[in-house]
Amino acid sequence: MKVVIIKFPGTNCDEDTKYAFDKLGFKCEIINHKQDKFCADLVVLPGGFSYGDYLRTAAISKFSPAMSEVLNHAKKGGYILGICNGFQMLLELKLLEGAMLKNKNLNFISKFQNLKVISNNNKFLSKCSKDEVLNIPIAHGEGNYYADEKTIKSLEENDQIILKYCDELGNITNESNPNGSVLNIAGICDKNKKIFGLMPHPERACEEILGGSDGIKMLKGFLC
């Protein structure tokens, strides 16, 4: 599987993401956001602060030339993974439903966070067990996922909620919700289970020396 990672002005996780995919043996390339033609099996929109997050997170990056090809890739049924700022981009592009608000406490949060696998009925989390608890870093100031009741009901009915914030025992509580996201949602996918967005950073949890390797288990799903 060929992986293309798109770098925007302000992106800071492109090299980390490439390192993780290289570690797994993927054919991986970082391209500039001005490149409007490329070929890939999986397109990754990495974390960072594209265009300084001016206006609002990812509001400017959706107009980058590369995004036209991202939309074409989506129409063809290609795989897309948006991590943190990349998730925000997918929401801006309307490839995923919902929106991001500022963290409930209005502070930037950077720490390891427990996540519960809500659904592994998708390629991304196929190597994880349902209800498995993972420990993955988060680093964001606007990760408070919001969607209206109708959208949430649709996400639940179509098995599109894939990850939720939890405690170390897998309990999903207000106390285990770091940013105020509705229903503790940390990651979702589209109805076709080809487009994935999550706020946590799996690429930052690819070696035990870095604090854990649960992220590798997540990304490995794209190999199958």
C-alpha atoms as a PDB file:
ATOM      1  CA  MET A   1       0.000   0.000   0.000  1.00  0.00           C
ATOM      2  CA  LYS A   2       1.336   3.405  -0.981  1.00  0.00           C
ATOM      3  CA  VAL A   3       0.916   6.153   1.605  1.00  0.00           C
ATOM      4  CA  VAL A   4       1.028   9.866   0.781  1.00  0.00           C
ATOM      5  CA  ILE A   5       1.336  12.348   3.650  1.00  0.00           C
ATOM      6  CA  ILE A   6       0.440  15.940   2.804  1.00  0.00           C
ATOM      7  CA  LYS A   7       2.506  18.698   4.417  1.00  0.00           C
ATOM      8  CA  PHE A   8       0.924  22.121   4.916  1.00  0.00           C
ATOM      9  CA  PRO A   9       2.491  25.330   6.244  1.00  0.00           C
ATOM     10  CA  GLY A  10       2.465  24.739   9.999  1.00  0.00           C
ATOM     11  CA  THR A  11       2.301  20.942   9.826  1.00  0.00           C
ATOM     12  CA  ASN A  12       4.615  19.464  12.455  1.00  0.00           C
ATOM     13  CA  CYS A  13       3.830  15.753  12.519  1.00  0.00           C
ATOM     14  CA  ASP A  14       4.624  14.770   8.932  1.00  0.00           C
ATOM     15  CA  GLU A  15       8.052  13.280   9.691  1.00  0.00           C
ATOM     16  CA  ASP A  16       6.749  11.448  12.780  1.00  0.00           C
ATOM     17  CA  THR A  17       3.937   9.996  10.697  1.00  0.00           C
ATOM     18  CA  LYS A  18       6.280   8.918   7.921  1.00  0.00           C
ATOM     19  CA  TYR A  19       8.584   7.298  10.494  1.00  0.00           C
ATOM     20  CA  ALA A  20       5.697   5.228  11.846  1.00  0.00           C
ATOM     21  CA  PHE A  21       4.531   4.060   8.411  1.00  0.00           C
ATOM     22  CA  ASP A  22       8.128   3.383   7.295  1.00  0.00           C
ATOM     23  CA  LYS A  23       8.585   1.283  10.428  1.00  0.00           C
ATOM     24  CA  LEU A  24       5.668  -0.879   9.295  1.00  0.00           C
ATOM     25  CA  GLY A  25       7.077  -1.294   5.788  1.00  0.00           C
ATOM     26  CA  PHE A  26       4.704   0.941   3.856  1.00  0.00           C
ATOM     27  CA  LYS A  27       5.863   2.750   0.729  1.00  0.00           C
ATOM     28  CA  CYS A  28       5.549   6.283   2.064  1.00  0.00           C
ATOM     29  CA  GLU A  29       6.042   9.798   0.681  1.00  0.00           C
ATOM     30  CA  ILE A  30       5.590  13.318   2.032  1.00  0.00           C
ATOM     31  CA  ILE A  31       4.283  15.791  -0.554  1.00  0.00           C
ATOM     32  CA  ASN A  32       3.754  19.544  -0.515  1.00  0.00           C
ATOM     33  CA  HIS A  33       0.217  20.908  -0.210  1.00  0.00           C
ATOM     34  CA  LYS A  34       0.673  22.740  -3.540  1.00  0.00           C
ATOM     35  CA  GLN A  35       0.910  19.431  -5.412  1.00  0.00           C
ATOM     36  CA  ASP A  36      -2.513  18.870  -6.945  1.00  0.00           C
ATOM     37  CA  LYS A  37      -1.836  15.497  -8.581  1.00  0.00           C
ATOM     38  CA  PHE A  38      -0.648  12.378  -6.797  1.00  0.00           C
ATOM     39  CA  CYS A  39      -1.380   8.681  -6.572  1.00  0.00           C
ATOM     40  CA  ALA A  40      -1.891   6.803  -3.306  1.00  0.00           C
ATOM     41  CA  ASP A  41      -3.807   4.006  -1.640  1.00  0.00           C
ATOM     42  CA  LEU A  42      -3.923   5.891   1.665  1.00  0.00           C
ATOM     43  CA  VAL A  43      -3.773   9.666   2.019  1.00  0.00           C
ATOM     44  CA  VAL A  44      -2.776  10.962   5.455  1.00  0.00           C
ATOM     45  CA  LEU A  45      -3.522  14.477   6.678  1.00  0.00           C
ATOM     46  CA  PRO A  46      -1.117  14.806   9.633  1.00  0.00           C
ATOM     47  CA  GLY A  47      -1.229  16.842  12.809  1.00  0.00           C
ATOM     48  CA  GLY A  48       0.072  20.326  13.413  1.00  0.00           C
ATOM     49  CA  PHE A  49      -1.225  23.845  13.015  1.00  0.00           C
ATOM     50  CA  SER A  50      -1.859  24.323   9.302  1.00  0.00           C
ATOM     51  CA  TYR A  51      -1.621  27.994   8.360  1.00  0.00           C
ATOM     52  CA  GLY A  52      -1.206  28.741  12.069  1.00  0.00           C
ATOM     53  CA  ASP A  53      -4.852  27.730  12.627  1.00  0.00           C
ATOM     54  CA  TYR A  54      -5.850  31.268  11.722  1.00  0.00           C
ATOM     55  CA  LEU A  55      -9.589  31.946  11.351  1.00  0.00           C
ATOM     56  CA  ARG A  56     -10.280  28.507  12.854  1.00  0.00           C
ATOM     57  CA  THR A  57      -8.532  25.161  12.742  1.00  0.00           C
ATOM     58  CA  ALA A  58      -8.100  23.858   9.156  1.00  0.00           C
ATOM     59  CA  ALA A  59     -10.264  26.650   7.716  1.00  0.00           C
ATOM     60  CA  ILE A  60      -7.540  27.737   5.272  1.00  0.00           C
ATOM     61  CA  SER A  61      -5.914  24.396   4.481  1.00  0.00           C
ATOM     62  CA  LYS A  62      -9.090  23.114   2.820  1.00  0.00           C
ATOM     63  CA  PHE A  63      -8.341  25.518  -0.055  1.00  0.00           C
ATOM     64  CA  SER A  64      -4.856  24.091  -0.724  1.00  0.00           C
ATOM     65  CA  PRO A  65      -4.365  22.654  -4.248  1.00  0.00           C
ATOM     66  CA  ALA A  66      -3.768  19.150  -2.878  1.00  0.00           C
ATOM     67  CA  MET A  67      -7.264  19.075  -1.430  1.00  0.00           C
ATOM     68  CA  SER A  68      -8.863  18.778  -4.865  1.00  0.00           C
ATOM     69  CA  GLU A  69      -7.042  15.478  -5.308  1.00  0.00           C
ATOM     70  CA  VAL A  70      -7.988  14.443  -1.756  1.00  0.00           C
ATOM     71  CA  LEU A  71     -11.642  14.950  -2.689  1.00  0.00           C
ATOM     72  CA  ASN A  72     -11.144  12.950  -5.908  1.00  0.00           C
ATOM     73  CA  HIS A  73      -9.450  10.213  -3.894  1.00  0.00           C
ATOM     74  CA  ALA A  74     -12.450  10.111  -1.569  1.00  0.00           C
ATOM     75  CA  LYS A  75     -14.902   9.915  -4.490  1.00  0.00           C
ATOM     76  CA  LYS A  76     -12.970   6.935  -5.848  1.00  0.00           C
ATOM     77  CA  GLY A  77     -13.310   5.144  -2.523  1.00  0.00           C
ATOM     78  CA  GLY A  78      -9.691   5.598  -1.448  1.00  0.00           C
ATOM     79  CA  TYR A  79      -8.576   5.470   2.157  1.00  0.00           C
ATOM     80  CA  ILE A  80      -7.959   8.708   4.065  1.00  0.00           C
ATOM     81  CA  LEU A  81      -6.655   9.164   7.603  1.00  0.00           C
ATOM     82  CA  GLY A  82      -6.830  12.532   9.354  1.00  0.00           C
ATOM     83  CA  ILE A  83      -4.882  12.879  12.599  1.00  0.00           C
ATOM     84  CA  CYS A  84      -5.624  15.825  14.926  1.00  0.00           C
ATOM     85  CA  ASN A  85      -5.366  18.839  12.585  1.00  0.00           C
ATOM     86  CA  GLY A  86      -6.003  16.350   9.787  1.00  0.00           C
ATOM     87  CA  PHE A  87      -9.279  15.346  11.460  1.00  0.00           C
ATOM     88  CA  GLN A  88     -10.213  19.009  11.593  1.00  0.00           C
ATOM     89  CA  MET A  89      -9.476  19.240   7.851  1.00  0.00           C
ATOM     90  CA  LEU A  90     -11.797  16.308   7.099  1.00  0.00           C
ATOM     91  CA  LEU A  91     -14.573  18.068   8.998  1.00  0.00           C
ATOM     92  CA  GLU A  92     -13.948  21.311   7.095  1.00  0.00           C
ATOM     93  CA  LEU A  93     -14.053  19.394   3.809  1.00  0.00           C
ATOM     94  CA  LYS A  94     -17.343  17.764   4.891  1.00  0.00           C
ATOM     95  CA  LEU A  95     -15.823  14.338   4.327  1.00  0.00           C
ATOM     96  CA  LEU A  96     -16.723  13.622   7.942  1.00  0.00           C
ATOM     97  CA  GLU A  97     -19.662  14.996   9.902  1.00  0.00           C
ATOM     98  CA  GLY A  98     -19.496  17.298  12.893  1.00  0.00           C
ATOM     99  CA  ALA A  99     -17.263  20.149  14.022  1.00  0.00           C
ATOM    100  CA  MET A 100     -14.498  20.946  16.472  1.00  0.00           C
ATOM    101  CA  LEU A 101     -14.844  23.427  19.325  1.00  0.00           C
ATOM    102  CA  LYS A 102     -12.253  24.746  21.740  1.00  0.00           C
ATOM    103  CA  ASN A 103     -11.437  22.412  24.599  1.00  0.00           C
ATOM    104  CA  LYS A 104     -13.951  22.770  27.405  1.00  0.00           C
ATOM    105  CA  ASN A 105     -11.299  24.084  29.806  1.00  0.00           C
ATOM    106  CA  LEU A 106      -9.969  26.451  27.086  1.00  0.00           C
ATOM    107  CA  ASN A 107      -6.452  25.076  27.624  1.00  0.00           C
ATOM    108  CA  PHE A 108      -4.114  23.289  25.239  1.00  0.00           C
ATOM    109  CA  ILE A 109      -3.852  19.651  26.356  1.00  0.00           C
ATOM    110  CA  SER A 110      -0.765  17.497  25.756  1.00  0.00           C
ATOM    111  CA  LYS A 111      -0.576  14.113  27.484  1.00  0.00           C
ATOM    112  CA  PHE A 112      -1.073  10.385  27.057  1.00  0.00           C
ATOM    113  CA  GLN A 113      -4.766   9.517  27.058  1.00  0.00           C
ATOM    114  CA  ASN A 114      -6.658   6.234  27.358  1.00  0.00           C
ATOM    115  CA  LEU A 115      -8.953   5.367  24.465  1.00  0.00           C
ATOM    116  CA  LYS A 116     -11.561   2.647  24.122  1.00  0.00           C
ATOM    117  CA  VAL A 117     -12.024   0.875  20.797  1.00  0.00           C
ATOM    118  CA  ILE A 118     -15.749   1.215  20.137  1.00  0.00           C
ATOM    119  CA  SER A 119     -15.671  -0.424  16.717  1.00  0.00           C
ATOM    120  CA  ASN A 120     -12.987  -2.490  14.985  1.00  0.00           C
ATOM    121  CA  ASN A 121     -15.284  -3.241  12.058  1.00  0.00           C
ATOM    122  CA  ASN A 122     -13.032  -1.192   9.804  1.00  0.00           C
ATOM    123  CA  LYS A 123      -9.596  -1.468   8.230  1.00  0.00           C
ATOM    124  CA  PHE A 124      -7.945   1.097  10.480  1.00  0.00           C
ATOM    125  CA  LEU A 125      -8.666  -0.642  13.795  1.00  0.00           C
ATOM    126  CA  SER A 126      -8.909  -4.189  12.468  1.00  0.00           C
ATOM    127  CA  LYS A 127      -5.823  -5.252  14.467  1.00  0.00           C
ATOM    128  CA  CYS A 128      -7.395  -4.017  17.714  1.00  0.00           C
ATOM    129  CA  SER A 129     -10.046  -5.789  19.771  1.00  0.00           C
ATOM    130  CA  LYS A 130     -13.457  -4.274  20.411  1.00  0.00           C
ATOM    131  CA  ASP A 131     -13.483  -2.587  23.833  1.00  0.00           C
ATOM    132  CA  GLU A 132      -9.673  -2.724  23.976  1.00  0.00           C
ATOM    133  CA  VAL A 133      -8.101   0.157  25.906  1.00  0.00           C
ATOM    134  CA  LEU A 134      -5.239   1.930  24.146  1.00  0.00           C
ATOM    135  CA  ASN A 135      -2.892   4.589  25.474  1.00  0.00           C
ATOM    136  CA  ILE A 136      -2.198   7.266  22.862  1.00  0.00           C
ATOM    137  CA  PRO A 137      -0.914  10.875  23.133  1.00  0.00           C
ATOM    138  CA  ILE A 138      -3.209  13.822  22.521  1.00  0.00           C
ATOM    139  CA  ALA A 139      -2.062  17.384  21.821  1.00  0.00           C
ATOM    140  CA  HIS A 140      -4.715  19.922  20.882  1.00  0.00           C
ATOM    141  CA  GLY A 141      -6.479  23.103  21.841  1.00  0.00           C
ATOM    142  CA  GLU A 142      -9.607  22.556  19.733  1.00  0.00           C
ATOM    143  CA  GLY A 143     -10.442  18.877  20.063  1.00  0.00           C
ATOM    144  CA  ASN A 144     -13.916  19.196  21.530  1.00  0.00           C
ATOM    145  CA  TYR A 145     -15.916  17.196  18.965  1.00  0.00           C
ATOM    146  CA  TYR A 146     -19.498  18.340  18.475  1.00  0.00           C
ATOM    147  CA  ALA A 147     -22.407  17.129  16.373  1.00  0.00           C
ATOM    148  CA  ASP A 148     -26.154  17.590  16.733  1.00  0.00           C
ATOM    149  CA  GLU A 149     -28.432  14.817  18.009  1.00  0.00           C
ATOM    150  CA  LYS A 150     -29.491  13.723  14.518  1.00  0.00           C
ATOM    151  CA  THR A 151     -25.883  13.353  13.389  1.00  0.00           C
ATOM    152  CA  ILE A 152     -24.870  11.502  16.563  1.00  0.00           C
ATOM    153  CA  LYS A 153     -27.768   9.079  16.125  1.00  0.00           C
ATOM    154  CA  SER A 154     -26.676   8.443  12.535  1.00  0.00           C
ATOM    155  CA  LEU A 155     -23.058   7.882  13.601  1.00  0.00           C
ATOM    156  CA  GLU A 156     -24.196   5.361  16.203  1.00  0.00           C
ATOM    157  CA  GLU A 157     -26.586   3.536  13.868  1.00  0.00           C
ATOM    158  CA  ASN A 158     -23.958   3.211  11.140  1.00  0.00           C
ATOM    159  CA  ASP A 159     -21.139   2.082  13.439  1.00  0.00           C
ATOM    160  CA  GLN A 160     -19.128   5.221  12.665  1.00  0.00           C
ATOM    161  CA  ILE A 161     -17.935   6.023  16.172  1.00  0.00           C
ATOM    162  CA  ILE A 162     -14.644   4.158  16.419  1.00  0.00           C
ATOM    163  CA  LEU A 163     -12.879   5.577  19.501  1.00  0.00           C
ATOM    164  CA  LYS A 164     -13.904   7.175  22.788  1.00  0.00           C
ATOM    165  CA  TYR A 165     -11.914   8.704  25.623  1.00  0.00           C
ATOM    166  CA  CYS A 166     -11.949   6.501  28.721  1.00  0.00           C
ATOM    167  CA  ASP A 167     -10.050   5.732  31.911  1.00  0.00           C
ATOM    168  CA  GLU A 168      -7.437   2.970  32.247  1.00  0.00           C
ATOM    169  CA  LEU A 169     -10.180   0.418  32.975  1.00  0.00           C
ATOM    170  CA  GLY A 170     -12.199   1.373  29.915  1.00  0.00           C
ATOM    171  CA  ASN A 171     -14.862   3.332  31.794  1.00  0.00           C
ATOM    172  CA  ILE A 172     -16.319   6.162  29.729  1.00  0.00           C
ATOM    173  CA  THR A 173     -17.042   8.994  32.146  1.00  0.00           C
ATOM    174  CA  ASN A 174     -17.034  12.772  32.313  1.00  0.00           C
ATOM    175  CA  GLU A 175     -13.802  12.564  34.277  1.00  0.00           C
ATOM    176  CA  SER A 176     -12.117  10.607  31.464  1.00  0.00           C
ATOM    177  CA  ASN A 177     -13.149  13.171  28.853  1.00  0.00           C
ATOM    178  CA  PRO A 178     -10.170  15.528  28.372  1.00  0.00           C
ATOM    179  CA  ASN A 179     -11.779  18.143  26.134  1.00  0.00           C
ATOM    180  CA  GLY A 180     -15.565  17.982  26.498  1.00  0.00           C
ATOM    181  CA  SER A 181     -16.276  16.030  23.293  1.00  0.00           C
ATOM    182  CA  VAL A 182     -19.873  14.887  22.980  1.00  0.00           C
ATOM    183  CA  LEU A 183     -20.176  11.282  24.230  1.00  0.00           C
ATOM    184  CA  ASN A 184     -16.392  11.253  24.794  1.00  0.00           C
ATOM    185  CA  ILE A 185     -15.877  10.794  21.044  1.00  0.00           C
ATOM    186  CA  ALA A 186     -12.208  10.680  20.025  1.00  0.00           C
ATOM    187  CA  GLY A 187     -12.512   9.294  16.489  1.00  0.00           C
ATOM    188  CA  ILE A 188     -15.081   8.587  13.784  1.00  0.00           C
ATOM    189  CA  CYS A 189     -15.258   7.297  10.213  1.00  0.00           C
ATOM    190  CA  ASP A 190     -17.524   7.779   7.220  1.00  0.00           C
ATOM    191  CA  LYS A 191     -20.390   5.417   6.363  1.00  0.00           C
ATOM    192  CA  ASN A 192     -18.216   3.502   3.888  1.00  0.00           C
ATOM    193  CA  LYS A 193     -15.486   3.056   6.510  1.00  0.00           C
ATOM    194  CA  LYS A 194     -12.844   4.444   4.186  1.00  0.00           C
ATOM    195  CA  ILE A 195     -12.262   7.874   5.776  1.00  0.00           C
ATOM    196  CA  PHE A 196     -11.033   8.084   9.378  1.00  0.00           C
ATOM    197  CA  GLY A 197     -10.515  11.020  11.690  1.00  0.00           C
ATOM    198  CA  LEU A 198      -9.151  11.023  15.239  1.00  0.00           C
ATOM    199  CA  MET A 199      -7.695  13.615  17.582  1.00  0.00           C
ATOM    200  CA  PRO A 200      -5.115  11.321  19.299  1.00  0.00           C
ATOM    201  CA  HIS A 201      -1.706  10.827  17.661  1.00  0.00           C
ATOM    202  CA  PRO A 202      -0.962   7.135  16.942  1.00  0.00           C
ATOM    203  CA  GLU A 203       2.296   8.111  15.203  1.00  0.00           C
ATOM    204  CA  ARG A 204       3.611   9.337  18.560  1.00  0.00           C
ATOM    205  CA  ALA A 205       3.110   5.914  20.145  1.00  0.00           C
ATOM    206  CA  CYS A 206       5.147   3.673  17.888  1.00  0.00           C
ATOM    207  CA  GLU A 207       7.978   2.616  20.231  1.00  0.00           C
ATOM    208  CA  GLU A 208       8.078   1.629  23.886  1.00  0.00           C
ATOM    209  CA  ILE A 209      10.961   4.039  24.490  1.00  0.00           C
ATOM    210  CA  LEU A 210       8.588   6.865  23.538  1.00  0.00           C
ATOM    211  CA  GLY A 211       6.022   5.775  26.114  1.00  0.00           C
ATOM    212  CA  GLY A 212       4.128   3.033  24.302  1.00  0.00           C
ATOM    213  CA  SER A 213       3.507   1.291  21.001  1.00  0.00           C
ATOM    214  CA  ASP A 214      -0.292   1.111  20.820  1.00  0.00           C
ATOM    215  CA  GLY A 215      -0.210   3.504  17.869  1.00  0.00           C
ATOM    216  CA  ILE A 216       1.633   0.977  15.734  1.00  0.00           C
ATOM    217  CA  LYS A 217      -1.143  -1.523  16.408  1.00  0.00           C
ATOM    218  CA  MET A 218      -3.651   0.976  15.068  1.00  0.00           C
ATOM    219  CA  LEU A 219      -1.737   1.909  11.913  1.00  0.00           C
ATOM    220  CA  LYS A 220      -0.914  -1.734  11.203  1.00  0.00           C
ATOM    221  CA  GLY A 221      -4.569  -2.240  10.315  1.00  0.00           C
ATOM    222  CA  PHE A 222      -3.948  -0.639   6.931  1.00  0.00           C
ATOM    223  CA  LEU A 223      -1.592  -3.491   6.063  1.00  0.00           C
ATOM    224  CA  CYS A 224      -4.334  -6.134   5.965  1.00  0.00           C
END
